[in-house]
Each structure stands twice: as structure tokens, then as C-alpha cells.
Amino acid sequence: MILFFDFLPFHKRLDYNQTLTCQECGHFGRFEVYVTANRFRLFFVPLFTIGKHYAVRTTCCDTLYQLTPEKGRAIEKGQSVTIAEEDLTLKELGVKATTRQCRQCGHTQAIGSNFCSNCGQPLT
């Protein structure tokens, strides 16, 4: 008798969008909520899910946050929820949040630079 089973990661975007002004990059964007977990499947039929985590990604700079499980479960059930700053834990800064462009020449600079490495103009 042959049994086909596996234990694979699961990743799904939930139906939730909340507009915001990003605290990391200062641009206008929105929150997108994802659920990640591991699923045990037998004969390609999901039996149970282990280790659910809820993540929030900003569309403006791709910064990644971990969301509290209570808010994540409410969003997954389709309830009307507003994500507040205290519901989020920063996991990873997005690429756009760690760089900025020189207004004079357009060269990309790291956040924290005082002067442009290409033209020497002060960055404000």
C-alpha cells in the first residue's frame, strides 16, 4: 500500500486593503495581509494546518510586518478591522524604505547619507 502525504508551507493573500501614509518611507500606499502556515496533506487533500502567522506588507515600499493573531483571524473571517500601529511588529524594511534619490541628479542613496555620492549636493 502506498500513501501519498506531504507537509508543505502555505501562503495566501487575504482580501483586505487599508490605505495609509507609510511611517517608514513617507509615501501613500496600502496594507496587504497574508497568512502563512504549514499544511499536512494526505493524497493531496489538506487535513490540518499548523503554525499560522499573519504578515502585512506595504505596497509603497514593501516593508514587512507581523500582525497580531487576533487581528489576523478577524481579517481571515471577513470582519471589518482597522490595523493600528500597535498591532504590527516590524520584520523587514523594504528596499524603497532604505534608499532615497538625490533631488539634483536622481542618484540612489542610502538612508542616513548627508551628501550625494554622485554630485555632492546636500540631501535634505
N, C-alpha and C. Protein backbone atom coordinates (compact mmCIF):
# COMPACT_ATOMS: atom_id res chain seq x y z
N MET A 1 0.85 -1.17 0.00
CA MET A 1 0.00 0.00 0.00
C MET A 1 0.89 1.24 0.00
N ILE A 2 0.58 2.18 -0.85
CA ILE A 2 1.36 3.41 -0.97
C ILE A 2 0.51 4.58 -0.46
N LEU A 3 1.10 5.38 0.42
CA LEU A 3 0.43 6.59 0.93
C LEU A 3 1.16 7.81 0.39
N PHE A 4 0.41 8.73 -0.13
CA PHE A 4 0.97 9.99 -0.59
C PHE A 4 0.61 11.06 0.43
N PHE A 5 1.63 11.55 1.13
CA PHE A 5 1.39 12.63 2.07
C PHE A 5 2.56 13.60 2.00
N ASP A 6 2.31 14.82 2.40
CA ASP A 6 3.37 15.83 2.44
C ASP A 6 3.05 16.87 3.50
N PHE A 7 4.04 17.63 3.81
CA PHE A 7 3.95 18.71 4.81
C PHE A 7 4.62 19.92 4.18
N LEU A 8 3.82 20.82 3.62
CA LEU A 8 4.36 21.92 2.83
C LEU A 8 3.94 23.28 3.39
N PRO A 9 4.76 24.31 3.12
CA PRO A 9 4.36 25.67 3.51
C PRO A 9 3.16 26.14 2.68
N PHE A 10 2.37 26.98 3.29
CA PHE A 10 1.15 27.51 2.69
C PHE A 10 1.20 29.03 2.80
N HIS A 11 0.88 29.74 1.73
CA HIS A 11 0.94 31.20 1.69
C HIS A 11 -0.26 31.70 0.89
N LYS A 12 -1.05 32.60 1.50
CA LYS A 12 -2.24 33.10 0.83
C LYS A 12 -2.47 34.57 1.18
N ARG A 13 -2.83 35.35 0.17
CA ARG A 13 -3.18 36.76 0.39
C ARG A 13 -4.66 36.82 0.78
N LEU A 14 -4.92 37.54 1.87
CA LEU A 14 -6.30 37.70 2.33
C LEU A 14 -6.94 38.91 1.66
N ASP A 15 -8.25 38.91 1.61
CA ASP A 15 -8.99 40.00 0.98
C ASP A 15 -9.10 41.17 1.96
N TYR A 16 -8.06 42.00 2.00
CA TYR A 16 -8.04 43.13 2.92
C TYR A 16 -7.10 44.20 2.34
N ASN A 17 -7.57 45.42 2.32
CA ASN A 17 -6.76 46.56 1.90
C ASN A 17 -7.09 47.75 2.80
N GLN A 18 -6.06 48.38 3.32
CA GLN A 18 -6.23 49.58 4.15
C GLN A 18 -5.21 50.60 3.66
N THR A 19 -5.68 51.78 3.28
CA THR A 19 -4.78 52.82 2.81
C THR A 19 -4.05 53.46 3.99
N LEU A 20 -2.85 53.98 3.72
CA LEU A 20 -2.04 54.58 4.78
C LEU A 20 -1.01 55.53 4.20
N THR A 21 -0.46 56.35 5.07
CA THR A 21 0.76 57.08 4.78
C THR A 21 1.85 56.35 5.55
N CYS A 22 2.79 55.76 4.84
CA CYS A 22 3.77 54.86 5.43
C CYS A 22 4.69 55.60 6.40
N GLN A 23 4.89 55.02 7.58
CA GLN A 23 5.79 55.62 8.57
C GLN A 23 7.25 55.34 8.25
N GLU A 24 7.54 54.40 7.35
CA GLU A 24 8.93 54.08 7.01
C GLU A 24 9.44 54.92 5.85
N CYS A 25 8.63 55.06 4.78
CA CYS A 25 9.11 55.80 3.60
C CYS A 25 8.39 57.13 3.40
N GLY A 26 7.24 57.33 4.07
CA GLY A 26 6.51 58.59 3.95
C GLY A 26 5.60 58.69 2.75
N HIS A 27 5.49 57.64 1.94
CA HIS A 27 4.64 57.66 0.76
C HIS A 27 3.25 57.10 1.07
N PHE A 28 2.34 57.37 0.14
CA PHE A 28 0.97 56.86 0.25
C PHE A 28 0.93 55.44 -0.29
N GLY A 29 0.28 54.53 0.41
CA GLY A 29 0.19 53.14 -0.03
C GLY A 29 -0.96 52.44 0.67
N ARG A 30 -0.86 51.11 0.76
CA ARG A 30 -1.89 50.35 1.47
C ARG A 30 -1.27 49.11 2.10
N PHE A 31 -1.97 48.56 3.08
CA PHE A 31 -1.57 47.32 3.72
C PHE A 31 -2.18 46.15 2.93
N GLU A 32 -1.39 45.11 2.72
CA GLU A 32 -1.89 43.85 2.19
C GLU A 32 -1.58 42.79 3.23
N VAL A 33 -2.57 41.95 3.57
CA VAL A 33 -2.43 40.96 4.64
C VAL A 33 -2.29 39.57 4.03
N TYR A 34 -1.33 38.81 4.57
CA TYR A 34 -1.07 37.45 4.12
C TYR A 34 -1.10 36.51 5.32
N VAL A 35 -1.49 35.27 5.08
CA VAL A 35 -1.42 34.23 6.09
C VAL A 35 -0.41 33.18 5.59
N THR A 36 0.49 32.76 6.48
CA THR A 36 1.45 31.72 6.16
C THR A 36 1.35 30.64 7.22
N ALA A 37 1.51 29.40 6.80
CA ALA A 37 1.41 28.27 7.72
C ALA A 37 2.02 27.04 7.05
N ASN A 38 1.99 25.93 7.74
CA ASN A 38 2.38 24.64 7.18
C ASN A 38 1.15 23.76 7.14
N ARG A 39 0.98 23.04 6.02
CA ARG A 39 -0.18 22.18 5.86
C ARG A 39 0.25 20.73 5.68
N PHE A 40 -0.45 19.86 6.39
CA PHE A 40 -0.27 18.43 6.20
C PHE A 40 -1.34 17.96 5.24
N ARG A 41 -0.92 17.29 4.15
CA ARG A 41 -1.86 16.81 3.15
C ARG A 41 -1.71 15.30 2.97
N LEU A 42 -2.80 14.64 2.81
CA LEU A 42 -2.83 13.21 2.54
C LEU A 42 -3.57 13.02 1.22
N PHE A 43 -2.93 12.39 0.26
CA PHE A 43 -3.48 12.24 -1.09
C PHE A 43 -3.90 13.60 -1.65
N PHE A 44 -3.08 14.62 -1.41
CA PHE A 44 -3.25 15.97 -1.93
C PHE A 44 -4.48 16.69 -1.39
N VAL A 45 -5.05 16.16 -0.30
CA VAL A 45 -6.18 16.81 0.37
C VAL A 45 -5.67 17.38 1.69
N PRO A 46 -5.79 18.71 1.90
CA PRO A 46 -5.32 19.29 3.16
C PRO A 46 -6.11 18.76 4.35
N LEU A 47 -5.40 18.24 5.35
CA LEU A 47 -6.06 17.71 6.55
C LEU A 47 -6.03 18.71 7.69
N PHE A 48 -4.87 19.30 7.96
CA PHE A 48 -4.79 20.29 9.03
C PHE A 48 -3.64 21.25 8.77
N THR A 49 -3.73 22.40 9.43
CA THR A 49 -2.76 23.48 9.29
C THR A 49 -2.09 23.72 10.63
N ILE A 50 -0.79 23.92 10.60
CA ILE A 50 -0.01 24.15 11.82
C ILE A 50 0.79 25.45 11.68
N GLY A 51 0.87 26.21 12.77
CA GLY A 51 1.75 27.39 12.82
C GLY A 51 1.33 28.55 11.96
N LYS A 52 0.09 28.98 12.09
CA LYS A 52 -0.37 30.14 11.32
C LYS A 52 0.29 31.42 11.81
N HIS A 53 0.74 32.23 10.85
CA HIS A 53 1.28 33.56 11.12
C HIS A 53 0.65 34.52 10.12
N TYR A 54 0.42 35.72 10.57
CA TYR A 54 -0.18 36.74 9.71
C TYR A 54 0.86 37.83 9.46
N ALA A 55 1.03 38.17 8.20
CA ALA A 55 2.01 39.18 7.80
C ALA A 55 1.30 40.31 7.06
N VAL A 56 1.86 41.50 7.19
CA VAL A 56 1.33 42.68 6.50
C VAL A 56 2.47 43.27 5.68
N ARG A 57 2.19 43.55 4.41
CA ARG A 57 3.18 44.17 3.53
C ARG A 57 2.62 45.50 3.04
N THR A 58 3.48 46.52 3.01
CA THR A 58 3.05 47.81 2.47
C THR A 58 3.34 47.83 0.97
N THR A 59 2.43 48.40 0.20
CA THR A 59 2.62 48.45 -1.26
C THR A 59 3.56 49.56 -1.69
N CYS A 60 3.76 50.54 -0.83
CA CYS A 60 4.60 51.68 -1.22
C CYS A 60 6.09 51.34 -1.18
N CYS A 61 6.55 50.63 -0.15
CA CYS A 61 7.98 50.35 -0.01
C CYS A 61 8.29 48.89 0.30
N ASP A 62 7.29 48.02 0.28
CA ASP A 62 7.45 46.58 0.52
C ASP A 62 7.98 46.26 1.92
N THR A 63 7.70 47.10 2.89
CA THR A 63 8.09 46.81 4.27
C THR A 63 7.18 45.71 4.81
N LEU A 64 7.78 44.78 5.56
CA LEU A 64 7.05 43.61 6.05
C LEU A 64 6.89 43.70 7.57
N TYR A 65 5.67 43.46 8.03
CA TYR A 65 5.34 43.47 9.45
C TYR A 65 4.69 42.14 9.82
N GLN A 66 4.78 41.78 11.10
CA GLN A 66 4.00 40.66 11.62
C GLN A 66 2.78 41.25 12.31
N LEU A 67 1.62 40.66 12.04
CA LEU A 67 0.35 41.14 12.59
C LEU A 67 -0.05 40.28 13.78
N THR A 68 -0.71 40.89 14.75
CA THR A 68 -1.18 40.13 15.91
C THR A 68 -2.17 39.06 15.46
N PRO A 69 -2.14 37.87 16.09
CA PRO A 69 -3.03 36.79 15.67
C PRO A 69 -4.52 37.14 15.78
N GLU A 70 -4.90 37.94 16.77
CA GLU A 70 -6.31 38.30 16.93
C GLU A 70 -6.82 39.07 15.72
N LYS A 71 -6.06 40.08 15.30
CA LYS A 71 -6.47 40.87 14.13
C LYS A 71 -6.42 40.01 12.87
N GLY A 72 -5.41 39.16 12.76
CA GLY A 72 -5.29 38.29 11.59
C GLY A 72 -6.47 37.35 11.44
N ARG A 73 -6.88 36.74 12.54
CA ARG A 73 -8.04 35.83 12.50
C ARG A 73 -9.32 36.59 12.13
N ALA A 74 -9.46 37.80 12.66
CA ALA A 74 -10.65 38.61 12.34
C ALA A 74 -10.67 38.96 10.84
N ILE A 75 -9.53 39.30 10.26
CA ILE A 75 -9.46 39.60 8.83
C ILE A 75 -9.75 38.35 8.02
N GLU A 76 -9.23 37.21 8.46
CA GLU A 76 -9.46 35.95 7.75
C GLU A 76 -10.94 35.56 7.75
N LYS A 77 -11.65 35.93 8.81
CA LYS A 77 -13.09 35.65 8.90
C LYS A 77 -13.93 36.66 8.12
N GLY A 78 -13.30 37.72 7.61
CA GLY A 78 -14.01 38.72 6.83
C GLY A 78 -14.62 39.84 7.64
N GLN A 79 -14.21 39.97 8.90
CA GLN A 79 -14.72 41.04 9.74
C GLN A 79 -14.09 42.38 9.36
N SER A 80 -14.78 43.46 9.68
CA SER A 80 -14.28 44.80 9.41
C SER A 80 -13.27 45.18 10.50
N VAL A 81 -12.00 45.31 10.12
CA VAL A 81 -10.92 45.54 11.07
C VAL A 81 -10.05 46.69 10.55
N THR A 82 -9.58 47.53 11.47
CA THR A 82 -8.60 48.55 11.15
C THR A 82 -7.30 48.20 11.85
N ILE A 83 -6.23 48.14 11.09
CA ILE A 83 -4.92 47.80 11.64
C ILE A 83 -4.29 49.06 12.21
N ALA A 84 -3.91 49.02 13.49
CA ALA A 84 -3.26 50.14 14.16
C ALA A 84 -1.76 49.84 14.28
N GLU A 85 -0.99 50.87 14.59
CA GLU A 85 0.47 50.73 14.71
C GLU A 85 0.86 49.72 15.78
N GLU A 86 0.11 49.66 16.87
CA GLU A 86 0.45 48.73 17.96
C GLU A 86 0.14 47.27 17.62
N ASP A 87 -0.58 47.02 16.52
CA ASP A 87 -0.86 45.66 16.07
C ASP A 87 0.27 45.08 15.22
N LEU A 88 1.25 45.90 14.87
CA LEU A 88 2.31 45.50 13.95
C LEU A 88 3.67 45.41 14.64
N THR A 89 4.47 44.43 14.22
CA THR A 89 5.86 44.29 14.64
C THR A 89 6.70 44.29 13.38
N LEU A 90 7.65 45.21 13.28
CA LEU A 90 8.49 45.33 12.09
C LEU A 90 9.36 44.09 11.93
N LYS A 91 9.33 43.48 10.75
CA LYS A 91 10.14 42.31 10.45
C LYS A 91 11.26 42.63 9.47
N GLU A 92 10.95 43.41 8.43
CA GLU A 92 11.94 43.68 7.40
C GLU A 92 11.58 44.97 6.68
N LEU A 93 12.56 45.87 6.59
CA LEU A 93 12.35 47.10 5.83
C LEU A 93 12.38 46.78 4.34
N GLY A 94 11.51 47.41 3.60
CA GLY A 94 11.51 47.23 2.15
C GLY A 94 12.67 47.96 1.52
N VAL A 95 12.98 47.58 0.29
CA VAL A 95 14.11 48.18 -0.43
C VAL A 95 13.92 49.68 -0.60
N LYS A 96 12.72 50.10 -0.91
CA LYS A 96 12.46 51.52 -1.13
C LYS A 96 12.54 52.32 0.17
N ALA A 97 12.36 51.69 1.32
CA ALA A 97 12.40 52.40 2.60
C ALA A 97 13.84 52.62 3.07
N THR A 98 14.79 51.91 2.50
CA THR A 98 16.18 52.03 2.92
C THR A 98 17.01 52.88 1.97
N THR A 99 16.40 53.40 0.90
CA THR A 99 17.11 54.25 -0.05
C THR A 99 16.27 55.48 -0.38
N ARG A 100 16.92 56.48 -0.93
CA ARG A 100 16.22 57.66 -1.44
C ARG A 100 17.03 58.22 -2.60
N GLN A 101 16.40 59.09 -3.38
CA GLN A 101 17.06 59.65 -4.55
C GLN A 101 17.48 61.09 -4.31
N CYS A 102 18.62 61.46 -4.89
CA CYS A 102 19.10 62.84 -4.85
C CYS A 102 18.18 63.68 -5.73
N ARG A 103 17.76 64.82 -5.23
CA ARG A 103 16.87 65.70 -6.00
C ARG A 103 17.60 66.38 -7.14
N GLN A 104 18.91 66.52 -7.03
CA GLN A 104 19.70 67.20 -8.05
C GLN A 104 19.97 66.29 -9.26
N CYS A 105 20.50 65.07 -9.01
CA CYS A 105 20.91 64.21 -10.13
C CYS A 105 20.11 62.92 -10.24
N GLY A 106 19.29 62.56 -9.22
CA GLY A 106 18.48 61.36 -9.27
C GLY A 106 19.21 60.09 -8.87
N HIS A 107 20.46 60.20 -8.41
CA HIS A 107 21.23 59.02 -8.00
C HIS A 107 20.65 58.46 -6.69
N THR A 108 20.61 57.13 -6.55
CA THR A 108 20.05 56.47 -5.37
C THR A 108 21.07 56.47 -4.24
N GLN A 109 20.61 56.90 -3.05
CA GLN A 109 21.47 56.99 -1.87
C GLN A 109 20.86 56.19 -0.73
N ALA A 110 21.69 55.71 0.17
CA ALA A 110 21.21 55.02 1.36
C ALA A 110 20.64 56.04 2.34
N ILE A 111 19.60 55.63 3.08
CA ILE A 111 19.05 56.49 4.13
C ILE A 111 20.15 56.73 5.16
N GLY A 112 20.28 57.95 5.60
CA GLY A 112 21.32 58.29 6.56
C GLY A 112 22.47 59.04 5.91
N SER A 113 22.55 59.03 4.58
CA SER A 113 23.58 59.79 3.88
C SER A 113 23.25 61.27 3.95
N ASN A 114 24.26 62.09 4.19
CA ASN A 114 24.05 63.53 4.25
C ASN A 114 24.31 64.22 2.92
N PHE A 115 25.15 63.60 2.08
CA PHE A 115 25.51 64.18 0.79
C PHE A 115 25.41 63.11 -0.30
N CYS A 116 25.09 63.53 -1.52
CA CYS A 116 25.00 62.64 -2.65
C CYS A 116 26.40 62.18 -3.05
N SER A 117 26.59 60.88 -3.23
CA SER A 117 27.90 60.35 -3.61
C SER A 117 28.22 60.58 -5.07
N ASN A 118 27.23 61.00 -5.85
CA ASN A 118 27.44 61.25 -7.29
C ASN A 118 27.75 62.71 -7.56
N CYS A 119 26.95 63.65 -7.03
CA CYS A 119 27.13 65.07 -7.35
C CYS A 119 27.58 65.91 -6.16
N GLY A 120 27.53 65.36 -4.94
CA GLY A 120 27.99 66.08 -3.76
C GLY A 120 26.99 67.04 -3.14
N GLN A 121 25.78 67.11 -3.67
CA GLN A 121 24.77 68.02 -3.13
C GLN A 121 24.27 67.51 -1.77
N PRO A 122 23.94 68.43 -0.85
CA PRO A 122 23.37 68.00 0.43
C PRO A 122 22.00 67.34 0.23
N LEU A 123 21.77 66.27 0.97
CA LEU A 123 20.48 65.58 0.91
C LEU A 123 19.62 66.07 2.07
N THR A 124 18.41 66.52 1.76
CA THR A 124 17.51 67.03 2.79
C THR A 124 16.30 66.16 2.92
